[in-house]
Amino acid sequence: MHINFLMKTILVSLLFFISNTIQAQNIGIGTTTPTGPLSFPNTFGNKIVLYGNGNAPHYGFGIQGQLLQIYTAIPANISFGFGRSDAFTERMRIFNRGSDGLLLNGRILLRNGTEPLDLDYGSGIWMYKPDNSDFLGFMGVQNNQNLGFYGGPAGWGFTYDAINSRVGIGNNNPNAPLAFPPSLGKKITLYPGATGDVGFAVAGNRLQIYSDNPNADVAIGYDAAGVFNERFAFKPTGSLAVNGNVGLPGQALVSSGSASSPIWSPSTRFIYENSIKKVSTTYGSVGGAGNPSTIVVPDLSHTIVASQKVMALISWTVATYAVSCTFCGDINLFCLVAVNGQVVHQLDENIGNGTRRISSGSTLVFLDPGTYNIEILVRNHSTSIVGSVGGNGSGVTSNMCIVLFPF
């Protein structure tokens, strides 16, 4: 009977203590002045051991100087989510082994955490060097307009203007979709070669587009399904190719309108440089009574070398004089143009007895590449005498002009 009474007394006291504690809504473990529903003493070390015994590593929670610890007994992962242990949905995982440290299902929202607010400390991520010896760079917010990368001597070397959708490389205020700093030197290297680079640069009052070696072209064209179609190319020699054609010496580039490519054509300079004029200042006799003959007009011959097809315009004048003859009639005279000995043009004229005449004409001759000797001849088909070819002392001379047009 005494024992039963004692047990009842203890049970009543325990129920009274629990009742008072529940009414106070705070429980203290190791402290008599709990400040929350569950309170621990103000000491460092383990606070809640979820799994583990003695001095062995635990799963649980602990406190060290200015540090809340959540730990596992081995290098196991720590997961955060919702549900219950056997029906858990993970949102974030901390890896305690391997190269990865954090897995997040969803986006990260970063804000400036300074208090009071300091605009020089925008949200972002600092990244260490691979050897963990020091910071390497920062990726985050520069100001209320730009995102970017910070590091090295340039500081904010790469920025993105999120208000205007512009990228700056060394330029924190880009005024175009891609902007560079106002400095001279290389801007874009497309291919770093062994002896030079392929790319773009800026020099004083000059935009430079360059290849990587002295044998490379710089071509301009268009892309069609991954195939480059050249329209222009600048050769290492400085010559210009149009659709692969660099033209011929002396040619000029002529527009064909908006519907066609320009073409190489003879230039006025080429025509000027290939104009040949010959003048005869000597005299020669042609024919005689009963002796028709032909003479090459003195000094009126020229040899041309055509490196391409050309059109030769040959024009000439020949001064002739018929010696006065009492019993002679008019003289039948031919002025001829010969190319390599073959007559390509002739002019048939009559000269009155004892008169002077200036004969003139022109002809077009088409020549393939080659060497040609062009001559002016006079032929007398009469039996009468033609005194001379030339001025005959009167100051009138003969001449020949050859103009070449490539085609």
Protein backbone atom coordinates (compact mmCIF):
# COMPACT_ATOMS: atom_id res chain seq x y z
CA MET A 1 0.00 0.00 0.00
CA HIS A 2 2.85 2.40 0.77
CA ILE A 3 4.52 1.78 -2.58
CA ASN A 4 1.35 2.39 -4.52
CA PHE A 5 0.79 5.67 -2.73
CA LEU A 6 4.37 6.78 -3.49
CA MET A 7 4.00 5.98 -7.20
CA LYS A 8 0.74 7.85 -7.37
CA THR A 9 2.36 10.88 -5.74
CA ILE A 10 5.23 10.84 -8.29
CA LEU A 11 2.84 10.44 -11.21
CA VAL A 12 0.68 13.34 -10.05
CA SER A 13 3.77 15.56 -9.65
CA LEU A 14 5.02 14.66 -13.16
CA LEU A 15 1.65 15.37 -14.71
CA PHE A 16 1.53 18.71 -12.88
CA PHE A 17 5.03 19.62 -14.25
CA ILE A 18 4.16 18.65 -17.83
CA SER A 19 0.88 20.53 -17.58
CA ASN A 20 2.63 23.69 -16.49
CA THR A 21 5.29 23.31 -19.20
CA ILE A 22 2.72 22.79 -21.94
CA GLN A 23 0.80 25.77 -20.75
CA ALA A 24 3.98 27.85 -20.93
CA GLN A 25 4.50 26.42 -24.52
CA ASN A 26 8.32 26.36 -24.11
CA ILE A 27 10.45 23.32 -23.39
CA GLY A 28 14.04 23.64 -22.26
CA ILE A 29 16.63 20.90 -22.78
CA GLY A 30 19.63 21.73 -20.68
CA THR A 31 18.18 25.13 -19.80
CA THR A 32 15.61 26.21 -17.21
CA THR A 33 14.72 29.39 -19.11
CA PRO A 34 13.55 28.26 -22.55
CA THR A 35 12.96 31.16 -24.92
CA GLY A 36 11.16 29.13 -27.57
CA PRO A 37 9.00 26.07 -27.90
CA LEU A 38 12.26 24.06 -27.73
CA SER A 39 15.43 25.63 -26.37
CA PHE A 40 19.02 24.46 -25.83
CA PRO A 41 21.74 25.93 -23.63
CA ASN A 42 24.13 28.61 -24.90
CA THR A 43 26.99 26.19 -25.57
CA PHE A 44 28.85 25.04 -28.70
CA GLY A 45 28.71 21.49 -30.06
CA ASN A 46 26.04 19.04 -31.08
CA LYS A 47 22.45 20.17 -30.54
CA ILE A 48 20.32 17.56 -32.26
CA VAL A 49 21.65 14.12 -33.21
CA LEU A 50 19.38 12.50 -35.76
CA TYR A 51 21.49 9.41 -36.30
CA GLY A 52 24.65 8.18 -34.57
CA ASN A 53 25.96 7.34 -31.11
CA GLY A 54 28.83 8.31 -28.87
CA ASN A 55 31.80 10.07 -30.40
CA ALA A 56 31.10 8.60 -33.85
CA PRO A 57 30.16 11.05 -36.62
CA HIS A 58 26.51 11.99 -36.57
CA TYR A 59 23.71 13.15 -38.80
CA GLY A 60 22.40 16.26 -37.13
CA PHE A 61 22.74 19.91 -36.20
CA GLY A 62 25.40 21.74 -34.24
CA ILE A 63 26.65 25.18 -33.24
CA GLN A 64 30.16 26.66 -33.45
CA GLY A 65 31.32 30.26 -33.27
CA GLN A 66 28.97 32.26 -35.53
CA LEU A 67 28.15 29.07 -37.46
CA LEU A 68 25.11 26.83 -37.73
CA GLN A 69 26.12 23.35 -38.81
CA ILE A 70 24.05 20.82 -40.73
CA TYR A 71 26.11 17.67 -41.21
CA THR A 72 26.21 14.07 -42.23
CA ALA A 73 28.19 11.27 -40.67
CA ILE A 74 29.99 10.45 -43.93
CA PRO A 75 30.51 12.47 -47.15
CA ALA A 76 26.86 11.94 -48.03
CA ASN A 77 24.56 14.44 -49.73
CA ILE A 78 22.20 16.85 -48.00
CA SER A 79 18.88 17.34 -49.74
CA PHE A 80 16.16 20.01 -49.36
CA GLY A 81 12.60 19.67 -50.57
CA PHE A 82 9.07 18.86 -49.51
CA GLY A 83 6.86 15.85 -48.70
CA ARG A 84 8.01 13.18 -46.28
CA SER A 85 10.98 10.87 -46.04
CA ASP A 86 9.47 8.06 -48.10
CA ALA A 87 7.67 10.44 -50.55
CA PHE A 88 10.20 13.26 -50.94
CA THR A 89 10.41 15.88 -53.74
CA GLU A 90 13.88 17.36 -53.97
CA ARG A 91 14.50 21.03 -54.81
CA MET A 92 18.14 21.40 -53.85
CA ARG A 93 21.02 19.08 -53.08
CA ILE A 94 24.43 19.75 -51.52
CA PHE A 95 27.10 17.27 -52.63
CA ASN A 96 29.70 16.35 -50.01
CA ARG A 97 31.95 14.52 -52.45
CA GLY A 98 33.10 14.86 -56.06
CA SER A 99 33.65 17.96 -58.22
CA ASP A 100 30.06 19.23 -58.03
CA GLY A 101 28.86 21.07 -54.96
CA LEU A 102 25.24 22.07 -55.53
CA LEU A 103 22.25 20.93 -57.57
CA LEU A 104 19.21 23.17 -57.82
CA ASN A 105 15.89 22.32 -59.45
CA GLY A 106 14.72 25.77 -60.49
CA ARG A 107 16.15 29.24 -60.86
CA ILE A 108 18.35 31.19 -58.49
CA LEU A 109 17.14 34.65 -57.52
CA LEU A 110 20.01 36.90 -56.42
CA ARG A 111 19.58 40.29 -54.83
CA ASN A 112 21.89 42.96 -53.43
CA GLY A 113 22.31 41.95 -49.81
CA THR A 114 24.10 45.00 -48.42
CA GLU A 115 22.47 46.98 -45.61
CA PRO A 116 22.31 49.88 -45.95
CA LEU A 117 22.04 49.33 -49.72
CA ASP A 118 25.38 49.84 -51.56
CA LEU A 119 24.96 50.04 -55.35
CA ASP A 120 28.60 49.08 -55.91
CA TYR A 121 27.84 45.59 -54.65
CA GLY A 122 25.34 44.23 -57.14
CA SER A 123 24.31 40.60 -56.95
CA GLY A 124 26.51 37.99 -58.56
CA ILE A 125 28.98 35.17 -58.09
CA TRP A 126 32.68 35.37 -57.26
CA MET A 127 34.72 32.52 -58.72
CA TYR A 128 38.06 31.22 -57.45
CA LYS A 129 41.02 29.99 -59.46
CA PRO A 130 41.15 26.18 -59.89
CA ASP A 131 43.84 25.95 -57.21
CA ASN A 132 41.67 27.97 -54.78
CA SER A 133 44.55 30.38 -54.22
CA ASP A 134 42.59 33.55 -54.94
CA PHE A 135 39.60 35.06 -56.71
CA LEU A 136 39.75 34.88 -60.51
CA GLY A 137 36.72 36.90 -61.51
CA PHE A 138 33.18 38.02 -60.80
CA MET A 139 30.04 37.35 -62.81
CA GLY A 140 27.06 39.50 -61.97
CA VAL A 141 25.44 42.92 -61.95
CA GLN A 142 27.55 46.01 -62.66
CA ASN A 143 24.84 48.64 -62.24
CA ASN A 144 21.12 49.18 -62.84
CA GLN A 145 21.68 48.64 -66.58
CA ASN A 146 24.56 46.23 -67.16
CA LEU A 147 25.37 42.62 -66.41
CA GLY A 148 28.87 41.38 -67.05
CA PHE A 149 32.16 39.76 -66.17
CA TYR A 150 34.71 41.48 -63.98
CA GLY A 151 38.38 40.56 -63.73
CA GLY A 152 41.88 41.40 -64.94
CA PRO A 153 43.28 44.83 -65.81
CA ALA A 154 40.18 45.84 -67.81
CA GLY A 155 37.82 45.36 -64.86
CA TRP A 156 34.39 45.03 -66.44
CA GLY A 157 35.83 43.67 -69.70
CA PHE A 158 32.57 42.16 -70.96
CA THR A 159 29.15 43.71 -70.31
CA TYR A 160 25.61 43.24 -71.52
CA ASP A 161 23.29 46.24 -71.56
CA ALA A 162 20.06 44.53 -70.46
CA ILE A 163 18.02 47.69 -71.06
CA ASN A 164 18.97 48.13 -74.74
CA SER A 165 20.11 44.55 -75.54
CA ARG A 166 23.69 45.50 -76.47
CA VAL A 167 27.01 43.80 -75.81
CA GLY A 168 30.18 45.69 -74.95
CA ILE A 169 33.69 44.21 -75.09
CA GLY A 170 35.86 46.64 -73.18
CA ASN A 171 33.01 49.14 -73.51
CA ASN A 172 30.58 49.64 -70.64
CA ASN A 173 28.29 51.88 -72.69
CA PRO A 174 27.75 50.00 -75.97
CA ASN A 175 25.94 52.02 -78.63
CA ALA A 176 25.44 49.10 -81.05
CA PRO A 177 24.52 45.39 -80.78
CA LEU A 178 28.29 44.77 -80.41
CA ALA A 179 30.65 47.59 -79.43
CA PHE A 180 34.39 47.85 -78.75
CA PRO A 181 36.37 50.49 -76.88
CA PRO A 182 37.63 53.66 -78.66
CA SER A 183 41.19 52.36 -78.94
CA LEU A 184 43.46 51.36 -81.83
CA GLY A 185 44.69 47.85 -82.54
CA LYS A 186 43.22 44.44 -83.24
CA LYS A 187 39.51 44.10 -82.57
CA ILE A 188 38.50 40.64 -83.83
CA THR A 189 40.80 37.69 -84.56
CA LEU A 190 38.97 35.07 -86.61
CA TYR A 191 41.94 32.74 -87.05
CA PRO A 192 45.31 32.96 -85.28
CA GLY A 193 47.79 31.82 -87.92
CA ALA A 194 51.42 30.78 -87.66
CA THR A 195 52.78 34.02 -89.17
CA GLY A 196 49.83 36.37 -88.59
CA ASP A 197 46.14 36.53 -87.82
CA VAL A 198 42.95 36.68 -89.85
CA GLY A 199 40.67 39.41 -88.61
CA PHE A 200 39.85 43.07 -88.19
CA ALA A 201 41.72 45.98 -86.65
CA VAL A 202 41.59 49.75 -86.39
CA ALA A 203 44.52 52.08 -87.08
CA GLY A 204 44.60 55.86 -87.29
CA ASN A 205 41.75 56.83 -89.66
CA ARG A 206 41.77 53.33 -91.12
CA LEU A 207 39.75 50.10 -90.90
CA GLN A 208 41.95 47.07 -91.50
CA ILE A 209 40.74 43.72 -92.85
CA TYR A 210 43.60 41.26 -93.13
CA SER A 211 44.61 37.69 -93.86
CA ASP A 212 47.25 35.71 -92.01
CA ASN A 213 50.01 35.38 -94.63
CA PRO A 214 51.35 37.16 -97.74
CA ASN A 215 49.83 34.56 -100.09
CA ALA A 216 46.24 34.78 -98.87
CA ASP A 217 43.32 36.58 -100.50
CA VAL A 218 40.64 38.66 -98.83
CA ALA A 219 37.35 37.70 -100.49
CA ILE A 220 33.85 39.18 -100.38
CA GLY A 221 30.75 37.23 -101.41
CA TYR A 222 27.70 35.49 -100.02
CA ASP A 223 26.82 32.21 -98.36
CA ALA A 224 24.35 29.79 -99.95
CA ALA A 225 23.56 26.72 -97.83
CA GLY A 226 27.05 26.69 -96.37
CA VAL A 227 28.83 27.27 -99.70
CA PHE A 228 30.76 30.52 -100.17
CA ASN A 229 30.20 32.31 -103.47
CA GLU A 230 32.92 34.84 -104.24
CA ARG A 231 32.10 38.14 -105.89
CA PHE A 232 35.24 40.17 -105.17
CA ALA A 233 38.70 39.24 -103.94
CA PHE A 234 41.74 41.33 -103.14
CA LYS A 235 44.87 39.45 -104.14
CA PRO A 236 48.13 39.60 -102.16
CA THR A 237 49.61 41.64 -105.01
CA GLY A 238 46.90 44.27 -104.51
CA SER A 239 44.98 43.35 -107.67
CA LEU A 240 41.20 43.09 -107.64
CA ALA A 241 39.37 40.00 -108.88
CA VAL A 242 35.74 40.24 -109.96
CA ASN A 243 34.08 36.82 -110.03
CA GLY A 244 37.60 35.39 -110.10
CA ASN A 245 38.76 37.56 -113.04
CA VAL A 246 41.58 40.04 -112.40
CA GLY A 247 41.31 41.54 -115.90
CA LEU A 248 44.17 42.43 -118.24
CA PRO A 249 46.72 45.22 -118.08
CA GLY A 250 45.15 48.56 -118.91
CA GLN A 251 41.56 47.42 -118.41
CA ALA A 252 39.11 49.30 -116.20
CA LEU A 253 36.18 47.97 -114.17
CA VAL A 254 32.89 49.07 -115.72
CA SER A 255 29.46 48.79 -114.11
CA SER A 256 26.87 46.59 -115.80
CA GLY A 257 24.00 47.97 -113.75
CA SER A 258 22.29 46.50 -110.71
CA ALA A 259 21.29 43.26 -112.44
CA SER A 260 24.79 42.10 -113.47
CA SER A 261 28.34 42.05 -112.21
CA PRO A 262 30.80 44.71 -113.36
CA ILE A 263 33.16 43.71 -116.16
CA TRP A 264 36.70 44.54 -117.18
CA SER A 265 36.82 46.82 -120.24
CA PRO A 266 39.43 48.78 -122.14
CA SER A 267 40.12 52.08 -120.51
CA THR A 268 40.88 55.39 -122.17
CA ARG A 269 44.34 55.09 -120.64
CA PHE A 270 44.87 51.78 -122.40
CA ILE A 271 43.72 53.28 -125.69
CA TYR A 272 46.01 56.25 -125.15
CA GLU A 273 49.00 54.11 -124.27
CA ASN A 274 48.41 51.83 -127.26
CA SER A 275 47.95 54.53 -129.89
CA ILE A 276 50.78 54.51 -132.44
CA LYS A 277 51.39 57.30 -134.92
CA LYS A 278 53.93 57.11 -137.70
CA VAL A 279 54.90 59.99 -140.00
CA SER A 280 56.74 59.72 -143.31
CA THR A 281 59.17 62.51 -144.04
CA THR A 282 61.02 60.84 -146.88
CA TYR A 283 60.14 60.35 -150.51
CA GLY A 284 60.03 57.31 -152.68
CA SER A 285 59.18 56.74 -156.35
CA VAL A 286 56.44 54.40 -157.45
CA GLY A 287 56.33 52.87 -160.88
CA GLY A 288 57.22 54.36 -164.20
CA ALA A 289 56.30 54.15 -167.84
CA GLY A 290 55.49 50.54 -168.67
CA ASN A 291 56.60 49.46 -165.17
CA PRO A 292 53.75 49.19 -162.64
CA SER A 293 55.15 48.65 -159.14
CA THR A 294 54.41 48.73 -155.37
CA ILE A 295 56.29 50.55 -152.66
CA VAL A 296 56.00 50.46 -148.89
CA VAL A 297 55.51 54.07 -147.88
CA PRO A 298 58.73 55.03 -146.11
CA ASP A 299 58.42 55.10 -142.30
CA LEU A 300 54.74 53.98 -142.41
CA SER A 301 55.09 50.50 -140.91
CA HIS A 302 54.86 49.23 -137.35
CA THR A 303 55.08 45.91 -135.50
CA ILE A 304 52.60 45.26 -132.67
CA VAL A 305 52.55 42.42 -130.12
CA ALA A 306 49.03 41.53 -128.98
CA SER A 307 48.82 39.62 -125.69
CA GLN A 308 45.06 39.23 -126.16
CA LYS A 309 42.46 39.64 -128.85
CA VAL A 310 42.47 43.21 -130.06
CA MET A 311 40.65 45.38 -132.55
CA ALA A 312 43.10 47.55 -134.48
CA LEU A 313 41.83 50.79 -135.99
CA ILE A 314 44.31 51.73 -138.76
CA SER A 315 43.98 55.17 -140.33
CA TRP A 316 46.35 56.76 -142.83
CA THR A 317 46.98 59.60 -145.28
CA VAL A 318 49.41 59.44 -148.19
CA ALA A 319 50.58 62.44 -150.21
CA THR A 320 51.38 61.58 -153.84
CA TYR A 321 52.58 63.62 -156.83
CA ALA A 322 52.26 62.75 -160.49
CA VAL A 323 55.06 64.01 -162.67
CA SER A 324 53.75 66.14 -165.56
CA CYS A 325 53.82 64.26 -168.81
CA THR A 326 52.77 65.62 -172.20
CA PHE A 327 51.40 62.36 -173.49
CA CYS A 328 50.32 60.85 -170.12
CA GLY A 329 46.78 60.53 -168.97
CA ASP A 330 45.42 60.10 -165.45
CA ILE A 331 47.22 57.63 -163.23
CA ASN A 332 45.43 54.64 -161.58
CA LEU A 333 46.73 54.52 -158.01
CA PHE A 334 45.96 52.09 -155.13
CA CYS A 335 46.67 52.85 -151.46
CA LEU A 336 46.87 49.56 -149.51
CA VAL A 337 46.95 48.37 -145.88
CA ALA A 338 48.79 45.10 -145.32
CA VAL A 339 49.09 42.97 -142.19
CA ASN A 340 51.95 40.50 -142.24
CA GLY A 341 52.12 40.97 -146.00
CA GLN A 342 48.41 40.31 -146.60
CA VAL A 343 46.35 43.20 -147.99
CA VAL A 344 43.36 43.88 -145.72
CA HIS A 345 42.20 47.16 -147.28
CA GLN A 346 42.74 49.12 -150.46
CA LEU A 347 41.67 52.51 -151.87
CA ASP A 348 41.54 53.02 -155.66
CA GLU A 349 42.02 56.62 -156.82
CA ASN A 350 43.00 58.55 -159.96
CA ILE A 351 45.60 61.27 -159.94
CA GLY A 352 45.48 63.88 -162.66
CA ASN A 353 48.52 64.42 -164.83
CA GLY A 354 50.93 66.74 -163.11
CA THR A 355 48.82 67.06 -159.92
CA ARG A 356 49.28 66.41 -156.21
CA ARG A 357 46.76 64.38 -154.18
CA ILE A 358 46.19 63.49 -150.53
CA SER A 359 44.67 60.01 -150.21
CA SER A 360 43.25 58.93 -146.83
CA GLY A 361 41.25 56.06 -145.36
CA SER A 362 40.78 53.79 -142.35
CA THR A 363 39.97 50.17 -141.60
CA LEU A 364 39.25 47.90 -138.64
CA VAL A 365 41.21 44.67 -138.25
CA PHE A 366 40.51 41.98 -135.62
CA LEU A 367 43.63 40.19 -134.43
CA ASP A 368 44.23 37.17 -132.22
CA PRO A 369 47.15 37.20 -129.77
CA GLY A 370 50.39 37.33 -131.71
CA THR A 371 52.93 39.54 -133.48
CA TYR A 372 51.86 41.58 -136.51
CA ASN A 373 53.61 43.90 -138.95
CA ILE A 374 51.29 46.58 -140.32
CA GLU A 375 52.32 48.48 -143.46
CA ILE A 376 50.93 51.20 -145.74
CA LEU A 377 51.69 50.62 -149.46
CA VAL A 378 51.13 52.51 -152.69
CA ARG A 379 50.69 50.61 -155.95
CA ASN A 380 50.69 52.18 -159.45
CA HIS A 381 48.68 50.15 -161.94
CA SER A 382 49.27 52.57 -164.75
CA THR A 383 52.13 52.79 -167.20
CA SER A 384 52.52 56.44 -166.38
CA ILE A 385 54.96 57.82 -163.88
CA VAL A 386 54.00 58.75 -160.34
CA GLY A 387 56.69 61.06 -159.24
CA SER A 388 56.87 60.56 -155.51
CA VAL A 389 55.16 59.46 -152.33
CA GLY A 390 55.45 62.19 -149.73
CA GLY A 391 55.53 65.93 -149.81
CA ASN A 392 57.65 66.37 -152.90
CA GLY A 393 59.12 69.44 -151.29
CA SER A 394 55.74 70.99 -150.55
CA GLY A 395 55.74 70.26 -146.81
CA VAL A 396 52.88 67.74 -147.06
CA THR A 397 53.79 64.43 -145.41
CA SER A 398 52.18 61.01 -145.10
CA ASN A 399 51.18 59.41 -141.77
CA MET A 400 49.69 56.32 -140.18
CA CYS A 401 47.85 55.91 -136.85
CA ILE A 402 47.06 52.59 -135.12
CA VAL A 403 44.74 52.42 -132.08
CA LEU A 404 44.22 49.12 -130.24
CA PHE A 405 41.01 48.14 -128.43
CA PRO A 406 41.15 44.90 -126.42
CA PHE A 407 37.99 42.80 -126.29
